[in-house]
């Protein structure tokens, strides 16, 4: 079982290396040790105790954002981009866009893989400084190591809101995923 945690004050957005520790992903090999519900930890704000939701896993197709270079190379006009976005969002059937793996549904920047790579390696990405840092060139190739592990949308039925109707994106390097090193995940929060 995987357990995902995020700072209740939502001060960790993932663009700053100092945000590390504002989230945690825990892998439990023996689900029997966590098979019964427990009370929320003492001191947790009531608004951060989310309602239980039944989850069913269904395979869906996800597609890159129209700002992705691969999609941009298609040279779509505005109408085609709008149709493409409707196709991308249509797979969720109007429900919150929670999913494991696949392409993210970015609210702000679609370059989250690069942001993870730079911030996880000590570069501040809350402004242009990290992107203009001379170390970027050496680090940039590693952006393709990052994959989306979980996208968690704002969900009214569960009482979850990230920022202003945003999303949490938990990313992991492919090699860390293969080795079960979920303690090395990086989280990004984006909102409107």
N, C-alpha and C. Protein backbone atom coordinates (compact mmCIF):
# COMPACT_ATOMS: atom_id res chain seq x y z
N UNK A 1 0.85 -1.18 0.00
CA UNK A 1 0.00 0.00 0.00
C UNK A 1 0.89 1.24 0.00
N UNK A 2 0.44 2.25 -0.69
CA UNK A 2 1.12 3.54 -0.70
C UNK A 2 0.27 4.55 0.07
N UNK A 3 0.92 5.32 0.91
CA UNK A 3 0.28 6.37 1.67
C UNK A 3 0.91 7.69 1.26
N UNK A 4 0.07 8.68 0.93
CA UNK A 4 0.54 9.99 0.48
C UNK A 4 0.15 11.03 1.52
N UNK A 5 1.12 11.85 1.90
CA UNK A 5 0.90 12.90 2.89
C UNK A 5 1.42 14.22 2.34
N UNK A 6 0.75 15.31 2.75
CA UNK A 6 1.18 16.65 2.36
C UNK A 6 0.95 17.58 3.54
N UNK A 7 1.78 18.61 3.63
CA UNK A 7 1.71 19.63 4.67
C UNK A 7 0.31 20.22 4.75
N UNK A 8 -0.32 20.15 5.93
CA UNK A 8 -1.69 20.65 6.06
C UNK A 8 -1.80 22.15 5.80
N UNK A 9 -0.71 22.89 5.98
CA UNK A 9 -0.74 24.33 5.73
C UNK A 9 -0.49 24.68 4.27
N UNK A 10 -0.21 23.66 3.47
CA UNK A 10 0.03 23.80 2.03
C UNK A 10 1.10 24.85 1.73
N UNK A 11 2.17 24.80 2.51
CA UNK A 11 3.28 25.71 2.28
C UNK A 11 4.34 25.10 1.38
N UNK A 12 4.27 23.81 1.15
CA UNK A 12 5.23 23.13 0.27
C UNK A 12 4.61 23.01 -1.12
N UNK A 13 5.17 23.76 -2.07
CA UNK A 13 4.66 23.76 -3.44
C UNK A 13 5.60 23.01 -4.39
N UNK A 14 6.80 22.69 -3.92
CA UNK A 14 7.73 21.89 -4.72
C UNK A 14 8.69 22.67 -5.58
N UNK A 15 8.56 23.98 -5.71
CA UNK A 15 9.47 24.75 -6.54
C UNK A 15 10.76 25.14 -5.80
N UNK A 16 10.76 24.94 -4.50
CA UNK A 16 11.90 25.32 -3.67
C UNK A 16 12.51 24.06 -3.04
N UNK A 17 13.83 23.86 -3.17
CA UNK A 17 14.45 22.70 -2.52
C UNK A 17 14.14 22.62 -1.03
N UNK A 18 13.88 23.77 -0.40
CA UNK A 18 13.56 23.80 1.03
C UNK A 18 12.19 23.20 1.33
N UNK A 19 11.37 22.96 0.31
CA UNK A 19 10.05 22.37 0.51
C UNK A 19 10.13 20.87 0.82
N UNK A 20 11.30 20.27 0.55
CA UNK A 20 11.47 18.86 0.86
C UNK A 20 11.14 18.62 2.32
N UNK A 21 10.31 17.64 2.58
CA UNK A 21 9.83 17.38 3.94
C UNK A 21 8.40 17.85 4.13
N UNK A 22 7.88 18.61 3.16
CA UNK A 22 6.49 19.08 3.22
C UNK A 22 5.51 18.05 2.68
N UNK A 23 6.01 16.89 2.30
CA UNK A 23 5.19 15.78 1.82
C UNK A 23 5.94 14.50 2.15
N UNK A 24 5.22 13.43 2.07
CA UNK A 24 5.86 12.14 2.31
C UNK A 24 5.04 11.05 1.63
N UNK A 25 5.73 10.10 1.06
CA UNK A 25 5.08 8.92 0.48
C UNK A 25 5.67 7.71 1.20
N UNK A 26 4.79 6.90 1.75
CA UNK A 26 5.23 5.73 2.52
C UNK A 26 4.68 4.49 1.84
N UNK A 27 5.56 3.52 1.66
CA UNK A 27 5.17 2.23 1.10
C UNK A 27 5.14 1.21 2.22
N UNK A 28 4.01 0.52 2.37
CA UNK A 28 3.88 -0.54 3.37
C UNK A 28 3.77 -1.87 2.64
N UNK A 29 4.76 -2.73 2.83
CA UNK A 29 4.76 -4.04 2.16
C UNK A 29 3.70 -4.97 2.70
N UNK A 30 3.37 -4.81 3.97
CA UNK A 30 2.39 -5.71 4.59
C UNK A 30 1.11 -4.95 4.89
N UNK A 31 0.15 -5.00 3.97
CA UNK A 31 -1.09 -4.24 4.18
C UNK A 31 -1.85 -4.65 5.43
N UNK A 32 -1.60 -5.85 5.96
CA UNK A 32 -2.33 -6.27 7.15
C UNK A 32 -2.02 -5.37 8.35
N UNK A 33 -0.88 -4.69 8.32
CA UNK A 33 -0.53 -3.82 9.44
C UNK A 33 -1.31 -2.51 9.41
N UNK A 34 -2.00 -2.25 8.31
CA UNK A 34 -2.74 -0.99 8.18
C UNK A 34 -4.16 -1.23 7.68
N UNK A 35 -4.71 -2.40 7.96
CA UNK A 35 -6.01 -2.75 7.39
C UNK A 35 -7.20 -2.18 8.14
N UNK A 36 -7.01 -1.56 9.29
CA UNK A 36 -8.15 -1.00 10.00
C UNK A 36 -7.99 0.52 10.08
N UNK A 37 -9.10 1.24 9.93
CA UNK A 37 -9.03 2.71 9.99
C UNK A 37 -8.53 3.19 11.35
N UNK A 38 -7.83 4.29 11.32
CA UNK A 38 -7.33 4.90 12.55
C UNK A 38 -7.80 6.34 12.62
N UNK A 39 -7.82 6.86 13.82
CA UNK A 39 -8.20 8.26 14.01
C UNK A 39 -7.12 9.15 13.42
N UNK A 40 -7.52 10.33 13.00
CA UNK A 40 -6.56 11.30 12.49
C UNK A 40 -5.61 11.69 13.62
N UNK A 41 -4.38 12.05 13.28
CA UNK A 41 -3.41 12.45 14.32
C UNK A 41 -3.90 13.66 15.11
N UNK A 42 -3.55 13.70 16.37
CA UNK A 42 -3.89 14.84 17.23
C UNK A 42 -3.25 16.10 16.67
N UNK A 43 -3.98 17.19 16.74
CA UNK A 43 -3.45 18.47 16.29
C UNK A 43 -3.70 18.76 14.82
N UNK A 44 -4.24 17.80 14.08
CA UNK A 44 -4.53 18.02 12.66
C UNK A 44 -5.80 18.86 12.55
N UNK A 45 -5.75 19.93 11.76
CA UNK A 45 -6.93 20.76 11.57
C UNK A 45 -8.09 19.93 11.03
N UNK A 46 -9.28 20.20 11.52
CA UNK A 46 -10.47 19.44 11.10
C UNK A 46 -10.66 19.48 9.59
N UNK A 47 -10.37 20.63 8.97
CA UNK A 47 -10.54 20.75 7.52
C UNK A 47 -9.55 19.89 6.73
N UNK A 48 -8.55 19.35 7.41
CA UNK A 48 -7.56 18.49 6.77
C UNK A 48 -7.83 17.01 7.01
N UNK A 49 -8.97 16.71 7.62
CA UNK A 49 -9.38 15.33 7.78
C UNK A 49 -10.41 15.07 6.69
N UNK A 50 -9.99 14.38 5.65
CA UNK A 50 -10.82 14.21 4.47
C UNK A 50 -11.78 13.05 4.61
N UNK A 51 -12.90 13.17 3.93
CA UNK A 51 -13.92 12.13 3.96
C UNK A 51 -13.43 10.92 3.17
N UNK A 52 -13.77 9.73 3.65
CA UNK A 52 -13.38 8.53 2.91
C UNK A 52 -14.06 8.49 1.54
N UNK A 53 -13.35 7.97 0.58
CA UNK A 53 -13.88 7.80 -0.78
C UNK A 53 -13.60 6.39 -1.24
N UNK A 54 -14.57 5.78 -1.86
CA UNK A 54 -14.36 4.47 -2.46
C UNK A 54 -13.57 4.68 -3.75
N UNK A 55 -12.58 3.87 -3.93
CA UNK A 55 -11.72 4.01 -5.11
C UNK A 55 -11.84 2.76 -5.96
N UNK A 56 -11.98 2.96 -7.24
CA UNK A 56 -11.92 1.83 -8.16
C UNK A 56 -10.91 2.20 -9.24
N UNK A 57 -10.09 1.26 -9.58
CA UNK A 57 -9.06 1.50 -10.58
C UNK A 57 -9.59 1.11 -11.95
N UNK A 58 -9.46 2.03 -12.87
CA UNK A 58 -9.89 1.83 -14.24
C UNK A 58 -8.80 2.35 -15.15
N UNK A 59 -8.47 1.60 -16.17
CA UNK A 59 -7.46 2.05 -17.12
C UNK A 59 -8.04 3.15 -18.00
N UNK A 60 -7.33 4.27 -18.09
CA UNK A 60 -7.72 5.37 -18.97
C UNK A 60 -6.52 5.77 -19.81
N UNK A 61 -6.79 6.43 -20.90
CA UNK A 61 -5.73 7.00 -21.72
C UNK A 61 -5.53 8.45 -21.30
N UNK A 62 -4.29 8.81 -20.99
CA UNK A 62 -3.99 10.22 -20.72
C UNK A 62 -3.12 10.73 -21.86
N UNK A 63 -3.19 12.03 -22.07
CA UNK A 63 -2.48 12.64 -23.19
C UNK A 63 -1.71 13.85 -22.68
N UNK A 64 -0.59 14.17 -23.34
CA UNK A 64 0.17 15.35 -22.91
C UNK A 64 -0.63 16.64 -23.16
N UNK A 65 -0.34 17.63 -22.35
CA UNK A 65 -0.94 18.96 -22.49
C UNK A 65 -0.59 19.53 -23.86
N UNK A 66 -1.47 20.39 -24.40
CA UNK A 66 -1.19 20.96 -25.74
C UNK A 66 0.06 21.84 -25.76
N UNK A 67 0.57 22.23 -24.58
CA UNK A 67 1.81 23.01 -24.53
C UNK A 67 3.05 22.11 -24.60
N UNK A 68 2.88 20.81 -24.49
CA UNK A 68 3.98 19.86 -24.60
C UNK A 68 4.60 19.99 -26.00
N UNK A 69 5.93 19.95 -26.07
CA UNK A 69 6.64 20.13 -27.34
C UNK A 69 6.18 19.12 -28.40
N UNK A 70 5.89 17.89 -27.99
CA UNK A 70 5.45 16.87 -28.96
C UNK A 70 4.10 17.24 -29.56
N UNK A 71 3.22 17.78 -28.76
CA UNK A 71 1.91 18.19 -29.26
C UNK A 71 2.06 19.50 -30.03
N UNK A 72 2.88 20.41 -29.53
CA UNK A 72 3.11 21.68 -30.22
C UNK A 72 3.65 21.50 -31.62
N UNK A 73 4.43 20.44 -31.82
CA UNK A 73 5.00 20.17 -33.15
C UNK A 73 3.92 19.86 -34.19
N UNK A 74 2.71 19.56 -33.73
CA UNK A 74 1.61 19.27 -34.67
C UNK A 74 1.06 20.54 -35.32
N UNK A 75 1.39 21.71 -34.74
CA UNK A 75 0.96 22.99 -35.33
C UNK A 75 -0.55 23.20 -35.31
N UNK A 76 -1.21 22.82 -34.24
CA UNK A 76 -2.66 22.96 -34.16
C UNK A 76 -3.08 24.42 -34.03
N UNK A 77 -4.22 24.75 -34.63
CA UNK A 77 -4.77 26.09 -34.45
C UNK A 77 -5.58 26.12 -33.15
N UNK A 78 -6.15 27.28 -32.79
CA UNK A 78 -6.85 27.41 -31.50
C UNK A 78 -8.01 26.43 -31.40
N UNK A 79 -8.80 26.29 -32.44
CA UNK A 79 -9.95 25.37 -32.41
C UNK A 79 -9.48 23.94 -32.17
N UNK A 80 -8.42 23.54 -32.85
CA UNK A 80 -7.89 22.19 -32.68
C UNK A 80 -7.34 21.97 -31.26
N UNK A 81 -6.68 23.00 -30.72
CA UNK A 81 -6.19 22.90 -29.35
C UNK A 81 -7.34 22.74 -28.36
N UNK A 82 -8.43 23.51 -28.59
CA UNK A 82 -9.60 23.41 -27.72
C UNK A 82 -10.20 22.00 -27.80
N UNK A 83 -10.30 21.45 -29.01
CA UNK A 83 -10.83 20.09 -29.18
C UNK A 83 -9.92 19.07 -28.50
N UNK A 84 -8.61 19.28 -28.65
CA UNK A 84 -7.64 18.38 -28.02
C UNK A 84 -7.79 18.41 -26.50
N UNK A 85 -7.94 19.62 -25.93
CA UNK A 85 -8.13 19.74 -24.49
C UNK A 85 -9.42 19.06 -24.03
N UNK A 86 -10.49 19.17 -24.81
CA UNK A 86 -11.74 18.48 -24.47
C UNK A 86 -11.54 16.97 -24.48
N UNK A 87 -10.76 16.47 -25.43
CA UNK A 87 -10.44 15.04 -25.49
C UNK A 87 -9.66 14.63 -24.25
N UNK A 88 -8.63 15.41 -23.89
CA UNK A 88 -7.79 15.11 -22.72
C UNK A 88 -8.63 15.05 -21.44
N UNK A 89 -9.50 16.04 -21.26
CA UNK A 89 -10.28 16.13 -20.03
C UNK A 89 -11.48 15.17 -20.06
N UNK A 90 -11.93 14.79 -21.25
CA UNK A 90 -13.10 13.92 -21.38
C UNK A 90 -12.91 12.55 -20.78
N UNK A 91 -11.67 12.08 -20.69
CA UNK A 91 -11.44 10.74 -20.14
C UNK A 91 -11.83 10.66 -18.66
N UNK A 92 -11.96 11.81 -18.00
CA UNK A 92 -12.32 11.83 -16.58
C UNK A 92 -13.83 11.94 -16.38
N UNK A 93 -14.58 12.11 -17.45
CA UNK A 93 -16.03 12.13 -17.36
C UNK A 93 -16.58 13.18 -16.41
N UNK A 94 -15.91 14.33 -16.31
CA UNK A 94 -16.38 15.40 -15.44
C UNK A 94 -16.10 15.18 -13.96
N UNK A 95 -15.44 14.09 -13.63
CA UNK A 95 -15.08 13.79 -12.23
C UNK A 95 -13.70 14.37 -11.94
N UNK A 96 -13.32 14.43 -10.65
CA UNK A 96 -11.97 14.90 -10.32
C UNK A 96 -10.92 14.07 -11.08
N UNK A 97 -9.86 14.73 -11.48
CA UNK A 97 -8.85 14.11 -12.33
C UNK A 97 -7.76 13.42 -11.53
N UNK A 98 -8.16 12.51 -10.64
CA UNK A 98 -7.20 11.70 -9.90
C UNK A 98 -6.71 10.59 -10.82
N UNK A 99 -5.41 10.33 -10.80
CA UNK A 99 -4.93 9.15 -11.52
C UNK A 99 -3.50 8.82 -11.15
N UNK A 100 -3.14 7.57 -11.40
CA UNK A 100 -1.78 7.07 -11.22
C UNK A 100 -1.10 7.03 -12.57
N UNK A 101 0.14 7.44 -12.62
CA UNK A 101 0.98 7.39 -13.81
C UNK A 101 0.36 8.19 -14.97
N UNK A 102 0.90 8.04 -16.14
CA UNK A 102 0.40 8.76 -17.31
C UNK A 102 0.87 10.20 -17.34
N UNK A 103 0.17 11.00 -18.12
CA UNK A 103 0.51 12.42 -18.27
C UNK A 103 -0.25 13.24 -17.24
N UNK A 104 0.40 14.28 -16.71
CA UNK A 104 -0.29 15.15 -15.76
C UNK A 104 -1.27 16.08 -16.49
N UNK A 105 -2.19 16.63 -15.73
CA UNK A 105 -3.09 17.68 -16.22
C UNK A 105 -2.64 18.98 -15.57
N UNK A 106 -1.64 19.64 -16.15
CA UNK A 106 -1.08 20.82 -15.49
C UNK A 106 -2.06 21.99 -15.44
N UNK A 107 -2.01 22.71 -14.34
CA UNK A 107 -2.81 23.92 -14.18
C UNK A 107 -1.94 25.13 -14.53
N UNK A 108 -0.66 25.05 -14.19
CA UNK A 108 0.27 26.13 -14.51
C UNK A 108 1.28 25.60 -15.53
N UNK A 109 2.47 25.32 -15.13
CA UNK A 109 3.52 24.87 -16.03
C UNK A 109 3.42 23.37 -16.30
N UNK A 110 3.59 22.99 -17.54
CA UNK A 110 3.63 21.58 -17.90
C UNK A 110 5.02 20.98 -17.77
N UNK A 111 6.00 21.79 -17.40
CA UNK A 111 7.38 21.32 -17.29
C UNK A 111 7.68 20.82 -15.87
N UNK A 112 6.75 20.08 -15.28
CA UNK A 112 6.94 19.62 -13.91
C UNK A 112 8.10 18.64 -13.78
N UNK A 113 8.35 17.84 -14.82
CA UNK A 113 9.49 16.92 -14.75
C UNK A 113 10.79 17.69 -14.60
N UNK A 114 10.92 18.80 -15.33
CA UNK A 114 12.11 19.64 -15.22
C UNK A 114 12.15 20.32 -13.84
N UNK A 115 11.01 20.80 -13.38
CA UNK A 115 10.96 21.44 -12.06
C UNK A 115 11.39 20.45 -10.97
N UNK A 116 10.91 19.20 -11.05
CA UNK A 116 11.31 18.18 -10.08
C UNK A 116 12.82 17.98 -10.13
N UNK A 117 13.36 17.83 -11.33
CA UNK A 117 14.78 17.57 -11.49
C UNK A 117 15.63 18.71 -10.93
N UNK A 118 15.24 19.94 -11.23
CA UNK A 118 16.03 21.08 -10.76
C UNK A 118 15.89 21.29 -9.25
N UNK A 119 14.65 21.30 -8.75
CA UNK A 119 14.43 21.55 -7.32
C UNK A 119 15.00 20.42 -6.47
N UNK A 120 14.84 19.18 -6.92
CA UNK A 120 15.37 18.04 -6.16
C UNK A 120 16.90 18.06 -6.12
N UNK A 121 17.50 18.80 -7.04
CA UNK A 121 18.96 18.93 -7.08
C UNK A 121 19.43 20.29 -6.60
N UNK A 122 18.57 20.99 -5.84
CA UNK A 122 19.01 22.20 -5.16
C UNK A 122 18.78 23.53 -5.85
N UNK A 123 18.08 23.56 -7.00
CA UNK A 123 17.85 24.83 -7.68
C UNK A 123 16.45 25.35 -7.39
N UNK A 124 16.35 26.61 -7.01
CA UNK A 124 15.08 27.26 -6.72
C UNK A 124 14.37 27.56 -8.03
N UNK A 125 13.12 27.10 -8.16
CA UNK A 125 12.36 27.27 -9.40
C UNK A 125 11.13 28.15 -9.21
N UNK A 126 11.09 28.94 -8.14
CA UNK A 126 9.97 29.84 -7.91
C UNK A 126 10.05 31.11 -8.73
N UNK A 127 11.14 31.32 -9.41
CA UNK A 127 11.31 32.41 -10.37
C UNK A 127 12.29 31.89 -11.43
N UNK A 128 12.82 32.75 -12.25
CA UNK A 128 13.69 32.32 -13.35
C UNK A 128 15.08 31.90 -12.91
N UNK A 129 15.46 32.15 -11.68
CA UNK A 129 16.84 31.92 -11.25
C UNK A 129 17.30 30.48 -11.45
N UNK A 130 16.47 29.51 -11.06
CA UNK A 130 16.86 28.11 -11.22
C UNK A 130 16.94 27.68 -12.67
N UNK A 131 16.07 28.25 -13.49
CA UNK A 131 16.06 27.91 -14.91
C UNK A 131 17.21 28.55 -15.67
N UNK A 132 17.74 29.65 -15.11
CA UNK A 132 18.88 30.34 -15.74
C UNK A 132 20.21 29.96 -15.09
N UNK A 133 20.16 29.15 -14.05
CA UNK A 133 21.37 28.74 -13.34
C UNK A 133 22.26 27.93 -14.28
N UNK A 134 23.58 28.16 -14.25
CA UNK A 134 24.48 27.41 -15.13
C UNK A 134 24.46 25.90 -14.89
N UNK A 135 24.01 25.45 -13.71
CA UNK A 135 23.94 24.01 -13.44
C UNK A 135 22.78 23.34 -14.17
N UNK A 136 21.85 24.13 -14.67
CA UNK A 136 20.68 23.57 -15.36
C UNK A 136 21.08 22.67 -16.52
N UNK A 137 22.03 23.11 -17.31
CA UNK A 137 22.43 22.35 -18.51
C UNK A 137 22.84 20.93 -18.15
N UNK A 138 23.60 20.78 -17.09
CA UNK A 138 24.05 19.43 -16.69
C UNK A 138 22.91 18.61 -16.10
N UNK A 139 21.94 19.27 -15.48
CA UNK A 139 20.84 18.57 -14.82
C UNK A 139 19.68 18.22 -15.76
N UNK A 140 19.52 19.01 -16.82
CA UNK A 140 18.31 18.91 -17.64
C UNK A 140 18.07 17.53 -18.24
N UNK A 141 19.11 16.83 -18.62
CA UNK A 141 18.93 15.49 -19.21
C UNK A 141 18.21 14.56 -18.25
N UNK A 142 18.35 14.76 -16.95
CA UNK A 142 17.72 13.91 -15.96
C UNK A 142 16.23 14.12 -15.82
N UNK A 143 15.67 15.11 -16.49
CA UNK A 143 14.23 15.35 -16.39
C UNK A 143 13.43 14.17 -16.91
N UNK A 144 13.98 13.43 -17.88
CA UNK A 144 13.25 12.29 -18.45
C UNK A 144 13.23 11.10 -17.50
N UNK A 145 13.99 11.18 -16.40
CA UNK A 145 13.95 10.12 -15.39
C UNK A 145 12.68 10.18 -14.55
N UNK A 146 12.03 11.35 -14.51
CA UNK A 146 10.87 11.56 -13.64
C UNK A 146 9.59 11.12 -14.33
N UNK A 147 8.74 10.41 -13.57
CA UNK A 147 7.41 10.01 -14.04
C UNK A 147 6.37 10.41 -12.99
N UNK A 148 5.19 10.71 -13.47
CA UNK A 148 4.10 11.03 -12.57
C UNK A 148 3.67 9.76 -11.84
N UNK A 149 3.65 9.80 -10.54
CA UNK A 149 3.20 8.66 -9.73
C UNK A 149 1.71 8.82 -9.41
N UNK A 150 1.32 10.00 -8.91
CA UNK A 150 -0.07 10.25 -8.54
C UNK A 150 -0.42 11.70 -8.80
N UNK A 151 -1.56 11.89 -9.43
CA UNK A 151 -2.15 13.22 -9.57
C UNK A 151 -3.40 13.22 -8.71
N UNK A 152 -3.48 14.15 -7.77
CA UNK A 152 -4.61 14.22 -6.85
C UNK A 152 -5.28 15.57 -7.01
N UNK A 153 -6.48 15.55 -7.53
CA UNK A 153 -7.23 16.76 -7.85
C UNK A 153 -7.98 17.27 -6.62
N UNK A 154 -8.37 18.52 -6.63
CA UNK A 154 -9.33 19.02 -5.66
C UNK A 154 -10.59 18.18 -5.81
N UNK A 155 -11.19 17.80 -4.69
CA UNK A 155 -12.34 16.89 -4.74
C UNK A 155 -13.34 17.32 -3.67
N UNK A 156 -14.41 17.97 -4.10
CA UNK A 156 -15.42 18.48 -3.16
C UNK A 156 -16.05 17.37 -2.33
N UNK A 157 -16.29 16.21 -2.95
CA UNK A 157 -16.94 15.11 -2.22
C UNK A 157 -16.07 14.59 -1.08
N UNK A 158 -14.76 14.69 -1.24
CA UNK A 158 -13.85 14.25 -0.17
C UNK A 158 -13.45 15.40 0.74
N UNK A 159 -13.83 16.64 0.36
CA UNK A 159 -13.47 17.80 1.16
C UNK A 159 -12.02 18.22 0.99
N UNK A 160 -11.40 17.83 -0.15
CA UNK A 160 -9.99 18.17 -0.40
C UNK A 160 -9.90 19.36 -1.35
N UNK A 161 -9.12 20.36 -0.96
CA UNK A 161 -8.82 21.46 -1.87
C UNK A 161 -7.35 21.80 -1.74
N UNK A 162 -6.68 21.83 -2.86
CA UNK A 162 -5.25 22.14 -2.90
C UNK A 162 -5.08 23.55 -3.44
N UNK A 163 -4.64 24.47 -2.57
CA UNK A 163 -4.52 25.86 -2.99
C UNK A 163 -5.91 26.37 -3.34
N UNK A 164 -6.03 26.98 -4.51
CA UNK A 164 -7.31 27.50 -5.00
C UNK A 164 -7.79 26.56 -6.11
N UNK A 165 -8.45 25.47 -5.71
CA UNK A 165 -8.98 24.46 -6.64
C UNK A 165 -7.86 23.88 -7.52
N UNK A 166 -6.77 23.48 -6.88
CA UNK A 166 -5.62 22.97 -7.61
C UNK A 166 -5.44 21.47 -7.54
N UNK A 167 -4.21 21.06 -7.80
CA UNK A 167 -3.86 19.64 -7.80
C UNK A 167 -2.51 19.43 -7.14
N UNK A 168 -2.36 18.23 -6.57
CA UNK A 168 -1.07 17.75 -6.09
C UNK A 168 -0.55 16.75 -7.12
N UNK A 169 0.72 16.85 -7.42
CA UNK A 169 1.37 15.93 -8.36
C UNK A 169 2.57 15.31 -7.64
N UNK A 170 2.53 14.01 -7.45
CA UNK A 170 3.64 13.30 -6.85
C UNK A 170 4.44 12.65 -7.97
N UNK A 171 5.72 12.97 -8.04
CA UNK A 171 6.61 12.48 -9.09
C UNK A 171 7.67 11.58 -8.46
N UNK A 172 8.19 10.65 -9.27
CA UNK A 172 9.24 9.76 -8.80
C UNK A 172 10.16 9.45 -9.98
N UNK A 173 11.44 9.28 -9.68
CA UNK A 173 12.39 8.85 -10.72
C UNK A 173 12.12 7.39 -11.04
N UNK A 174 12.27 7.02 -12.31
CA UNK A 174 12.01 5.64 -12.74
C UNK A 174 12.82 4.64 -11.93
N UNK A 175 14.09 4.94 -11.69
CA UNK A 175 14.93 4.00 -10.95
C UNK A 175 14.49 3.87 -9.49
N UNK A 176 13.99 4.98 -8.90
CA UNK A 176 13.48 4.92 -7.53
C UNK A 176 12.18 4.13 -7.48
N UNK A 177 11.37 4.25 -8.49
CA UNK A 177 10.13 3.46 -8.57
C UNK A 177 10.47 1.96 -8.63
N UNK A 178 11.42 1.61 -9.48
CA UNK A 178 11.81 0.20 -9.62
C UNK A 178 12.36 -0.36 -8.31
N UNK A 179 13.05 0.48 -7.54
CA UNK A 179 13.67 0.05 -6.29
C UNK A 179 12.75 0.23 -5.08
N UNK A 180 11.52 0.77 -5.32
CA UNK A 180 10.60 0.99 -4.20
C UNK A 180 11.04 2.10 -3.27
N UNK A 181 11.79 3.07 -3.78
CA UNK A 181 12.31 4.19 -2.97
C UNK A 181 11.32 5.36 -3.02
N UNK A 182 10.15 5.16 -2.43
CA UNK A 182 9.11 6.18 -2.45
C UNK A 182 9.45 7.37 -1.56
N UNK A 183 10.44 7.21 -0.70
CA UNK A 183 10.91 8.32 0.13
C UNK A 183 11.60 9.38 -0.71
N UNK A 184 11.87 9.09 -1.97
CA UNK A 184 12.55 10.04 -2.87
C UNK A 184 11.59 10.75 -3.81
N UNK A 185 10.30 10.63 -3.56
CA UNK A 185 9.31 11.33 -4.41
C UNK A 185 9.47 12.83 -4.27
N UNK A 186 9.02 13.54 -5.28
CA UNK A 186 8.96 15.00 -5.24
C UNK A 186 7.51 15.39 -5.51
N UNK A 187 7.00 16.37 -4.78
CA UNK A 187 5.62 16.81 -4.96
C UNK A 187 5.57 18.23 -5.45
N UNK A 188 4.63 18.48 -6.34
CA UNK A 188 4.37 19.84 -6.84
C UNK A 188 2.90 20.13 -6.62
N UNK A 189 2.61 21.32 -6.13
CA UNK A 189 1.24 21.80 -5.98
C UNK A 189 1.06 22.92 -7.00
N UNK A 190 0.00 22.82 -7.80
CA UNK A 190 -0.35 23.89 -8.73
C UNK A 190 -1.82 24.23 -8.52
N UNK A 191 -2.16 25.50 -8.67
CA UNK A 191 -3.57 25.90 -8.57
C UNK A 191 -3.82 27.10 -9.47
N UNK A 192 -5.09 27.47 -9.54
CA UNK A 192 -5.49 28.60 -10.40
C UNK A 192 -5.14 29.91 -9.77
